[in-house]
Amino acid sequence: MVDFYQEQVKKAESNIKKAKERLEKAKERLDIAKGKVEIVVQLQEAQKEYKELREKIRSGDNPKVIKLKQKEKEVL
């Protein structure tokens, strides 16, 4: 009878150990995913900023901008 309970305790300890390992792996994957999300957010912000700057340049009356627009038209 004692052997049965000792086996049950060993199984439970083994299950706990495996669960802790799975938890650590899940935490690592979560950290990686968080990093990827941060990169995507930064990329989206950079793209938005680029578009805004591009619009500011295109809408300006700067002579250099006018020359650039003319060159773009010539290329197209």
N, C-alpha and C. Protein backbone atom coordinates (compact mmCIF):
# COMPACT_ATOMS: atom_id res chain seq x y z
N MET A 1 0.82 -1.19 0.00
CA MET A 1 0.00 0.00 0.00
C MET A 1 0.87 1.26 0.00
N VAL A 2 1.92 1.21 0.80
CA VAL A 2 2.83 2.35 0.87
C VAL A 2 3.51 2.55 -0.48
N ASP A 3 3.86 1.44 -1.14
CA ASP A 3 4.51 1.53 -2.45
C ASP A 3 3.60 2.23 -3.46
N PHE A 4 2.33 1.95 -3.39
CA PHE A 4 1.37 2.58 -4.31
C PHE A 4 1.40 4.10 -4.14
N TYR A 5 1.36 4.56 -2.88
CA TYR A 5 1.36 6.00 -2.63
C TYR A 5 2.69 6.64 -3.00
N GLN A 6 3.78 5.90 -2.79
CA GLN A 6 5.09 6.43 -3.18
C GLN A 6 5.17 6.60 -4.70
N GLU A 7 4.60 5.66 -5.43
CA GLU A 7 4.57 5.76 -6.89
C GLU A 7 3.72 6.95 -7.32
N GLN A 8 2.59 7.13 -6.66
CA GLN A 8 1.72 8.26 -6.98
C GLN A 8 2.44 9.59 -6.73
N VAL A 9 3.19 9.66 -5.64
CA VAL A 9 3.94 10.87 -5.32
C VAL A 9 5.00 11.12 -6.39
N LYS A 10 5.70 10.06 -6.80
CA LYS A 10 6.73 10.19 -7.83
C LYS A 10 6.11 10.66 -9.15
N LYS A 11 4.97 10.10 -9.50
CA LYS A 11 4.28 10.52 -10.73
C LYS A 11 3.87 11.99 -10.64
N ALA A 12 3.35 12.37 -9.50
CA ALA A 12 2.92 13.75 -9.32
C ALA A 12 4.12 14.70 -9.41
N GLU A 13 5.23 14.32 -8.79
CA GLU A 13 6.44 15.16 -8.86
C GLU A 13 6.94 15.26 -10.29
N SER A 14 6.87 14.16 -11.01
CA SER A 14 7.29 14.16 -12.41
C SER A 14 6.38 15.07 -13.24
N ASN A 15 5.09 14.98 -13.00
CA ASN A 15 4.14 15.83 -13.72
C ASN A 15 4.37 17.31 -13.41
N ILE A 16 4.67 17.60 -12.15
CA ILE A 16 4.95 18.99 -11.77
C ILE A 16 6.20 19.49 -12.48
N LYS A 17 7.23 18.66 -12.53
CA LYS A 17 8.48 19.04 -13.20
C LYS A 17 8.23 19.30 -14.68
N LYS A 18 7.47 18.43 -15.32
CA LYS A 18 7.16 18.61 -16.75
C LYS A 18 6.34 19.88 -16.97
N ALA A 19 5.40 20.14 -16.08
CA ALA A 19 4.57 21.33 -16.21
C ALA A 19 5.41 22.59 -16.06
N LYS A 20 6.38 22.58 -15.14
CA LYS A 20 7.26 23.73 -14.97
C LYS A 20 8.10 23.95 -16.23
N GLU A 21 8.58 22.86 -16.85
CA GLU A 21 9.36 22.98 -18.08
C GLU A 21 8.50 23.56 -19.20
N ARG A 22 7.26 23.08 -19.32
CA ARG A 22 6.36 23.62 -20.35
C ARG A 22 6.07 25.10 -20.11
N LEU A 23 5.92 25.46 -18.85
CA LEU A 23 5.67 26.86 -18.49
C LEU A 23 6.86 27.73 -18.89
N GLU A 24 8.07 27.28 -18.64
CA GLU A 24 9.26 28.04 -19.02
C GLU A 24 9.34 28.21 -20.53
N LYS A 25 9.06 27.14 -21.26
CA LYS A 25 9.08 27.22 -22.73
C LYS A 25 8.02 28.20 -23.22
N ALA A 26 6.85 28.16 -22.60
CA ALA A 26 5.77 29.07 -23.00
C ALA A 26 6.17 30.52 -22.71
N LYS A 27 6.84 30.76 -21.59
CA LYS A 27 7.30 32.11 -21.27
C LYS A 27 8.30 32.59 -22.31
N GLU A 28 9.21 31.71 -22.73
CA GLU A 28 10.19 32.07 -23.76
C GLU A 28 9.49 32.43 -25.06
N ARG A 29 8.51 31.62 -25.46
CA ARG A 29 7.78 31.90 -26.70
C ARG A 29 7.01 33.22 -26.59
N LEU A 30 6.47 33.49 -25.42
CA LEU A 30 5.75 34.74 -25.19
C LEU A 30 6.68 35.93 -25.31
N ASP A 31 7.88 35.82 -24.74
CA ASP A 31 8.85 36.91 -24.85
C ASP A 31 9.22 37.16 -26.30
N ILE A 32 9.41 36.10 -27.07
CA ILE A 32 9.74 36.23 -28.49
C ILE A 32 8.58 36.91 -29.22
N ALA A 33 7.37 36.48 -28.92
CA ALA A 33 6.19 37.07 -29.57
C ALA A 33 6.06 38.56 -29.22
N LYS A 34 6.32 38.90 -27.97
CA LYS A 34 6.25 40.31 -27.57
C LYS A 34 7.27 41.13 -28.35
N GLY A 35 8.46 40.58 -28.53
CA GLY A 35 9.49 41.27 -29.30
C GLY A 35 9.06 41.49 -30.73
N LYS A 36 8.45 40.47 -31.32
CA LYS A 36 7.98 40.59 -32.70
C LYS A 36 6.89 41.65 -32.81
N VAL A 37 5.99 41.68 -31.85
CA VAL A 37 4.91 42.66 -31.86
C VAL A 37 5.48 44.07 -31.75
N GLU A 38 6.48 44.24 -30.89
CA GLU A 38 7.11 45.56 -30.74
C GLU A 38 7.75 45.99 -32.05
N ILE A 39 8.40 45.07 -32.74
CA ILE A 39 9.04 45.39 -34.01
C ILE A 39 7.99 45.80 -35.03
N VAL A 40 6.89 45.07 -35.09
CA VAL A 40 5.83 45.39 -36.05
C VAL A 40 5.24 46.76 -35.75
N VAL A 41 5.02 47.06 -34.48
CA VAL A 41 4.47 48.36 -34.10
C VAL A 41 5.44 49.48 -34.50
N GLN A 42 6.72 49.27 -34.24
CA GLN A 42 7.72 50.28 -34.62
C GLN A 42 7.74 50.46 -36.13
N LEU A 43 7.64 49.38 -36.86
CA LEU A 43 7.63 49.45 -38.32
C LEU A 43 6.42 50.23 -38.81
N GLN A 44 5.26 49.96 -38.25
CA GLN A 44 4.05 50.67 -38.64
C GLN A 44 4.17 52.17 -38.33
N GLU A 45 4.73 52.49 -37.18
CA GLU A 45 4.91 53.90 -36.83
C GLU A 45 5.88 54.57 -37.80
N ALA A 46 6.95 53.87 -38.16
CA ALA A 46 7.92 54.43 -39.10
C ALA A 46 7.29 54.64 -40.47
N GLN A 47 6.47 53.68 -40.91
CA GLN A 47 5.80 53.82 -42.20
C GLN A 47 4.84 55.01 -42.19
N LYS A 48 4.13 55.18 -41.10
CA LYS A 48 3.19 56.30 -40.98
C LYS A 48 3.96 57.62 -41.02
N GLU A 49 5.06 57.68 -40.28
CA GLU A 49 5.88 58.89 -40.26
C GLU A 49 6.45 59.18 -41.65
N TYR A 50 6.88 58.14 -42.34
CA TYR A 50 7.42 58.30 -43.69
C TYR A 50 6.36 58.87 -44.63
N LYS A 51 5.14 58.33 -44.55
CA LYS A 51 4.06 58.83 -45.41
C LYS A 51 3.75 60.29 -45.11
N GLU A 52 3.72 60.64 -43.82
CA GLU A 52 3.44 62.03 -43.44
C GLU A 52 4.52 62.96 -43.97
N LEU A 53 5.78 62.56 -43.82
CA LEU A 53 6.88 63.39 -44.32
C LEU A 53 6.83 63.50 -45.83
N ARG A 54 6.50 62.41 -46.47
CA ARG A 54 6.42 62.40 -47.94
C ARG A 54 5.33 63.38 -48.41
N GLU A 55 4.19 63.37 -47.73
CA GLU A 55 3.10 64.29 -48.07
C GLU A 55 3.51 65.75 -47.84
N LYS A 56 4.23 65.99 -46.75
CA LYS A 56 4.68 67.35 -46.47
C LYS A 56 5.62 67.83 -47.58
N ILE A 57 6.49 66.94 -48.01
CA ILE A 57 7.43 67.30 -49.08
C ILE A 57 6.68 67.57 -50.37
N ARG A 58 5.74 66.72 -50.70
CA ARG A 58 4.99 66.87 -51.96
C ARG A 58 4.10 68.11 -51.96
N SER A 59 3.60 68.50 -50.82
CA SER A 59 2.68 69.63 -50.78
C SER A 59 3.41 70.97 -50.63
N GLY A 60 4.71 70.95 -50.45
CA GLY A 60 5.47 72.18 -50.24
C GLY A 60 5.69 72.98 -51.51
N ASP A 61 5.96 74.29 -51.35
CA ASP A 61 6.25 75.17 -52.48
C ASP A 61 7.75 75.39 -52.61
N ASN A 62 8.52 74.58 -51.99
CA ASN A 62 9.97 74.68 -52.04
C ASN A 62 10.45 74.45 -53.47
N PRO A 63 11.34 75.30 -53.99
CA PRO A 63 11.84 75.12 -55.36
C PRO A 63 12.48 73.74 -55.58
N LYS A 64 13.16 73.25 -54.57
CA LYS A 64 13.77 71.92 -54.70
C LYS A 64 12.68 70.86 -54.86
N VAL A 65 11.60 71.04 -54.12
CA VAL A 65 10.49 70.09 -54.20
C VAL A 65 9.86 70.15 -55.59
N ILE A 66 9.72 71.35 -56.12
CA ILE A 66 9.13 71.51 -57.46
C ILE A 66 10.01 70.80 -58.49
N LYS A 67 11.33 70.95 -58.35
CA LYS A 67 12.25 70.26 -59.27
C LYS A 67 12.11 68.75 -59.14
N LEU A 68 12.00 68.27 -57.91
CA LEU A 68 11.83 66.83 -57.69
C LEU A 68 10.54 66.33 -58.33
N LYS A 69 9.48 67.11 -58.20
CA LYS A 69 8.20 66.72 -58.81
C LYS A 69 8.33 66.64 -60.33
N GLN A 70 9.05 67.61 -60.90
CA GLN A 70 9.24 67.61 -62.35
C GLN A 70 10.05 66.40 -62.78
N LYS A 71 11.07 66.06 -62.01
CA LYS A 71 11.89 64.89 -62.33
C LYS A 71 11.04 63.62 -62.24
N GLU A 72 10.19 63.54 -61.22
CA GLU A 72 9.32 62.38 -61.08
C GLU A 72 8.41 62.24 -62.29
N LYS A 73 7.86 63.37 -62.75
CA LYS A 73 6.98 63.33 -63.92
C LYS A 73 7.75 62.90 -65.16
N GLU A 74 8.99 63.37 -65.30
CA GLU A 74 9.80 62.99 -66.45
C GLU A 74 10.10 61.50 -66.43
N VAL A 75 10.38 60.97 -65.27
CA VAL A 75 10.70 59.55 -65.15
C VAL A 75 9.48 58.70 -65.46
N LEU A 76 8.34 59.14 -65.00
CA LEU A 76 7.10 58.39 -65.23
C LEU A 76 6.68 58.60 -66.65
